[in-house]
Amino acid sequence: MADNNAVIRATTLGTIAQLAMVVSGHYVAMIKDNLFAVLGMAISLVAGVLYARMGTMPSRGSAATGGAMVGGICALIGIAVSVALSDVPALILLVGTLSSAVTGAIGGALAHVKSRA
């Protein structure tokens, strides 16, 4: 089961970072042309790490699942804005969201801590 507070906090921080990147990329071609994919997935990875560190997950699998959710949600929002700005094709909404969900899951799994004594 996902830790709702951790989901909200990590998703909010990830979304802010994704939107900052998307808006920057809209005005700076170098970011849009060269960094959207890498930075977007890196942001989702960090969001997954934040989720695992903020939450209380009993297993690595639950941390990975929550990380995937958080990474995918923040990417979906950022990519949707990017599509609306006509900076990326609509197909990226699917491909980018799935890729970011995977990196979010990796971040959650890697950052999982079993006990916080």
C-alpha atoms as a PDB file:
ATOM      1  CA  MET A   1       0.000   0.000   0.000  1.00  0.00           C
ATOM      2  CA  ALA A   2       1.310   3.434  -0.923  1.00  0.00           C
ATOM      3  CA  ASP A   3       2.148   5.989   1.743  1.00  0.00           C
ATOM      4  CA  ASN A   4      -0.222   8.817   0.751  1.00  0.00           C
ATOM      5  CA  ASN A   5       1.781  11.627   2.348  1.00  0.00           C
ATOM      6  CA  ALA A   6       4.960  10.466   0.639  1.00  0.00           C
ATOM      7  CA  VAL A   7       3.108  10.161  -2.691  1.00  0.00           C
ATOM      8  CA  ILE A   8       1.803  13.719  -2.430  1.00  0.00           C
ATOM      9  CA  ARG A   9       5.104  15.248  -1.362  1.00  0.00           C
ATOM     10  CA  ALA A  10       7.315  13.375  -3.846  1.00  0.00           C
ATOM     11  CA  THR A  11       4.852  13.907  -6.706  1.00  0.00           C
ATOM     12  CA  THR A  12       4.616  17.615  -5.945  1.00  0.00           C
ATOM     13  CA  LEU A  13       8.390  18.058  -5.884  1.00  0.00           C
ATOM     14  CA  GLY A  14       8.850  15.941  -9.015  1.00  0.00           C
ATOM     15  CA  THR A  15       6.115  17.834 -10.847  1.00  0.00           C
ATOM     16  CA  ILE A  16       7.632  21.206  -9.962  1.00  0.00           C
ATOM     17  CA  ALA A  17      10.990  20.027 -11.318  1.00  0.00           C
ATOM     18  CA  GLN A  18       9.402  18.549 -14.470  1.00  0.00           C
ATOM     19  CA  LEU A  19       7.477  21.763 -15.151  1.00  0.00           C
ATOM     20  CA  ALA A  20      10.589  23.882 -14.608  1.00  0.00           C
ATOM     21  CA  MET A  21      12.426  21.739 -17.155  1.00  0.00           C
ATOM     22  CA  VAL A  22       9.557  21.845 -19.664  1.00  0.00           C
ATOM     23  CA  VAL A  23       9.139  25.611 -19.444  1.00  0.00           C
ATOM     24  CA  SER A  24      12.912  26.109 -19.698  1.00  0.00           C
ATOM     25  CA  GLY A  25      13.029  23.796 -22.695  1.00  0.00           C
ATOM     26  CA  HIS A  26      10.217  25.697 -24.370  1.00  0.00           C
ATOM     27  CA  TYR A  27      12.455  28.786 -24.429  1.00  0.00           C
ATOM     28  CA  VAL A  28      15.918  27.179 -24.633  1.00  0.00           C
ATOM     29  CA  ALA A  29      16.287  24.905 -27.652  1.00  0.00           C
ATOM     30  CA  MET A  30      19.396  23.165 -26.291  1.00  0.00           C
ATOM     31  CA  ILE A  31      17.390  21.861 -23.334  1.00  0.00           C
ATOM     32  CA  LYS A  32      14.475  20.757 -25.508  1.00  0.00           C
ATOM     33  CA  ASP A  33      16.628  19.175 -28.201  1.00  0.00           C
ATOM     34  CA  ASN A  34      19.232  17.474 -26.021  1.00  0.00           C
ATOM     35  CA  LEU A  35      18.076  17.101 -22.441  1.00  0.00           C
ATOM     36  CA  PHE A  36      14.311  16.525 -22.231  1.00  0.00           C
ATOM     37  CA  ALA A  37      14.500  12.719 -22.118  1.00  0.00           C
ATOM     38  CA  VAL A  38      17.524  12.410 -19.845  1.00  0.00           C
ATOM     39  CA  LEU A  39      16.488  15.137 -17.408  1.00  0.00           C
ATOM     40  CA  GLY A  40      12.879  13.985 -17.368  1.00  0.00           C
ATOM     41  CA  MET A  41      13.841  10.447 -16.418  1.00  0.00           C
ATOM     42  CA  ALA A  42      16.417  11.717 -13.904  1.00  0.00           C
ATOM     43  CA  ILE A  43      13.747  13.835 -12.235  1.00  0.00           C
ATOM     44  CA  SER A  44      11.460  10.792 -12.027  1.00  0.00           C
ATOM     45  CA  LEU A  45      14.315   8.727 -10.585  1.00  0.00           C
ATOM     46  CA  VAL A  46      14.854  11.353  -7.881  1.00  0.00           C
ATOM     47  CA  ALA A  47      11.104  11.517  -7.216  1.00  0.00           C
ATOM     48  CA  GLY A  48      11.155   7.739  -6.678  1.00  0.00           C
ATOM     49  CA  VAL A  49      14.086   8.105  -4.283  1.00  0.00           C
ATOM     50  CA  LEU A  50      12.239  10.858  -2.400  1.00  0.00           C
ATOM     51  CA  TYR A  51       9.140   8.699  -2.157  1.00  0.00           C
ATOM     52  CA  ALA A  52      11.081   5.786  -0.680  1.00  0.00           C
ATOM     53  CA  ARG A  53      12.937   8.038   1.755  1.00  0.00           C
ATOM     54  CA  MET A  54       9.805   9.900   2.887  1.00  0.00           C
ATOM     55  CA  GLY A  55       7.539   6.879   3.154  1.00  0.00           C
ATOM     56  CA  THR A  56       7.224   3.851   5.371  1.00  0.00           C
ATOM     57  CA  MET A  57       7.243   0.900   2.988  1.00  0.00           C
ATOM     58  CA  PRO A  58       7.647  -2.583   4.430  1.00  0.00           C
ATOM     59  CA  SER A  59       9.293  -3.989   1.308  1.00  0.00           C
ATOM     60  CA  ARG A  60      11.532  -3.031  -1.566  1.00  0.00           C
ATOM     61  CA  GLY A  61       8.706  -3.992  -3.938  1.00  0.00           C
ATOM     62  CA  SER A  62       6.288  -1.518  -2.372  1.00  0.00           C
ATOM     63  CA  ALA A  63       8.944   1.207  -2.524  1.00  0.00           C
ATOM     64  CA  ALA A  64       9.474   0.420  -6.218  1.00  0.00           C
ATOM     65  CA  THR A  65       5.731   0.421  -6.901  1.00  0.00           C
ATOM     66  CA  GLY A  66       5.270   3.776  -5.209  1.00  0.00           C
ATOM     67  CA  GLY A  67       8.351   5.135  -6.958  1.00  0.00           C
ATOM     68  CA  ALA A  68       6.901   4.058 -10.308  1.00  0.00           C
ATOM     69  CA  MET A  69       3.636   5.791  -9.508  1.00  0.00           C
ATOM     70  CA  VAL A  70       5.310   9.013  -8.401  1.00  0.00           C
ATOM     71  CA  GLY A  71       7.806   9.033 -11.284  1.00  0.00           C
ATOM     72  CA  GLY A  72       5.076   8.344 -13.822  1.00  0.00           C
ATOM     73  CA  ILE A  73       2.641  10.943 -12.480  1.00  0.00           C
ATOM     74  CA  CYS A  74       5.111  13.823 -12.381  1.00  0.00           C
ATOM     75  CA  ALA A  75       6.365  12.910 -15.874  1.00  0.00           C
ATOM     76  CA  LEU A  76       2.830  12.625 -17.237  1.00  0.00           C
ATOM     77  CA  ILE A  77       2.016  16.135 -16.056  1.00  0.00           C
ATOM     78  CA  GLY A  78       5.256  17.594 -17.397  1.00  0.00           C
ATOM     79  CA  ILE A  79       4.956  15.830 -20.746  1.00  0.00           C
ATOM     80  CA  ALA A  80       1.308  16.852 -21.094  1.00  0.00           C
ATOM     81  CA  VAL A  81       2.370  20.489 -20.743  1.00  0.00           C
ATOM     82  CA  SER A  82       5.157  19.916 -23.253  1.00  0.00           C
ATOM     83  CA  VAL A  83       2.685  18.403 -25.728  1.00  0.00           C
ATOM     84  CA  ALA A  84       0.317  21.340 -25.153  1.00  0.00           C
ATOM     85  CA  LEU A  85       3.202  23.718 -25.942  1.00  0.00           C
ATOM     86  CA  SER A  86       3.871  21.718 -29.147  1.00  0.00           C
ATOM     87  CA  ASP A  87       7.419  20.955 -28.017  1.00  0.00           C
ATOM     88  CA  VAL A  88       7.089  17.161 -28.272  1.00  0.00           C
ATOM     89  CA  PRO A  89       4.779  14.829 -30.222  1.00  0.00           C
ATOM     90  CA  ALA A  90       1.826  13.245 -28.421  1.00  0.00           C
ATOM     91  CA  LEU A  91       3.438   9.779 -28.615  1.00  0.00           C
ATOM     92  CA  ILE A  92       5.993  10.982 -26.065  1.00  0.00           C
ATOM     93  CA  LEU A  93       3.148  11.197 -23.558  1.00  0.00           C
ATOM     94  CA  LEU A  94       3.011   7.384 -23.578  1.00  0.00           C
ATOM     95  CA  VAL A  95       6.682   6.544 -24.120  1.00  0.00           C
ATOM     96  CA  GLY A  96       8.026   9.204 -21.773  1.00  0.00           C
ATOM     97  CA  THR A  97       5.563   8.413 -19.007  1.00  0.00           C
ATOM     98  CA  LEU A  98       6.352   4.700 -19.152  1.00  0.00           C
ATOM     99  CA  SER A  99      10.104   5.342 -19.210  1.00  0.00           C
ATOM    100  CA  SER A 100       9.829   7.701 -16.278  1.00  0.00           C
ATOM    101  CA  ALA A 101       7.689   5.235 -14.327  1.00  0.00           C
ATOM    102  CA  VAL A 102      10.456   2.657 -14.767  1.00  0.00           C
ATOM    103  CA  THR A 103      13.136   5.077 -13.565  1.00  0.00           C
ATOM    104  CA  GLY A 104      10.915   6.091 -10.641  1.00  0.00           C
ATOM    105  CA  ALA A 105      10.595   2.416  -9.712  1.00  0.00           C
ATOM    106  CA  ILE A 106      14.367   2.024  -9.874  1.00  0.00           C
ATOM    107  CA  GLY A 107      14.804   5.054  -7.625  1.00  0.00           C
ATOM    108  CA  GLY A 108      12.262   3.737  -5.131  1.00  0.00           C
ATOM    109  CA  ALA A 109      13.825   0.280  -5.047  1.00  0.00           C
ATOM    110  CA  LEU A 110      17.371   1.596  -4.685  1.00  0.00           C
ATOM    111  CA  ALA A 111      16.442   4.010  -1.888  1.00  0.00           C
ATOM    112  CA  HIS A 112      14.308   1.568   0.099  1.00  0.00           C
ATOM    113  CA  VAL A 113      15.180   1.411   3.788  1.00  0.00           C
ATOM    114  CA  LYS A 114      13.627  -1.466   5.776  1.00  0.00           C
ATOM    115  CA  SER A 115      13.641   0.106   9.212  1.00  0.00           C
ATOM    116  CA  ARG A 116      14.039   3.585  10.571  1.00  0.00           C
ATOM    117  CA  ALA A 117      15.121   2.970  14.130  1.00  0.00           C
END
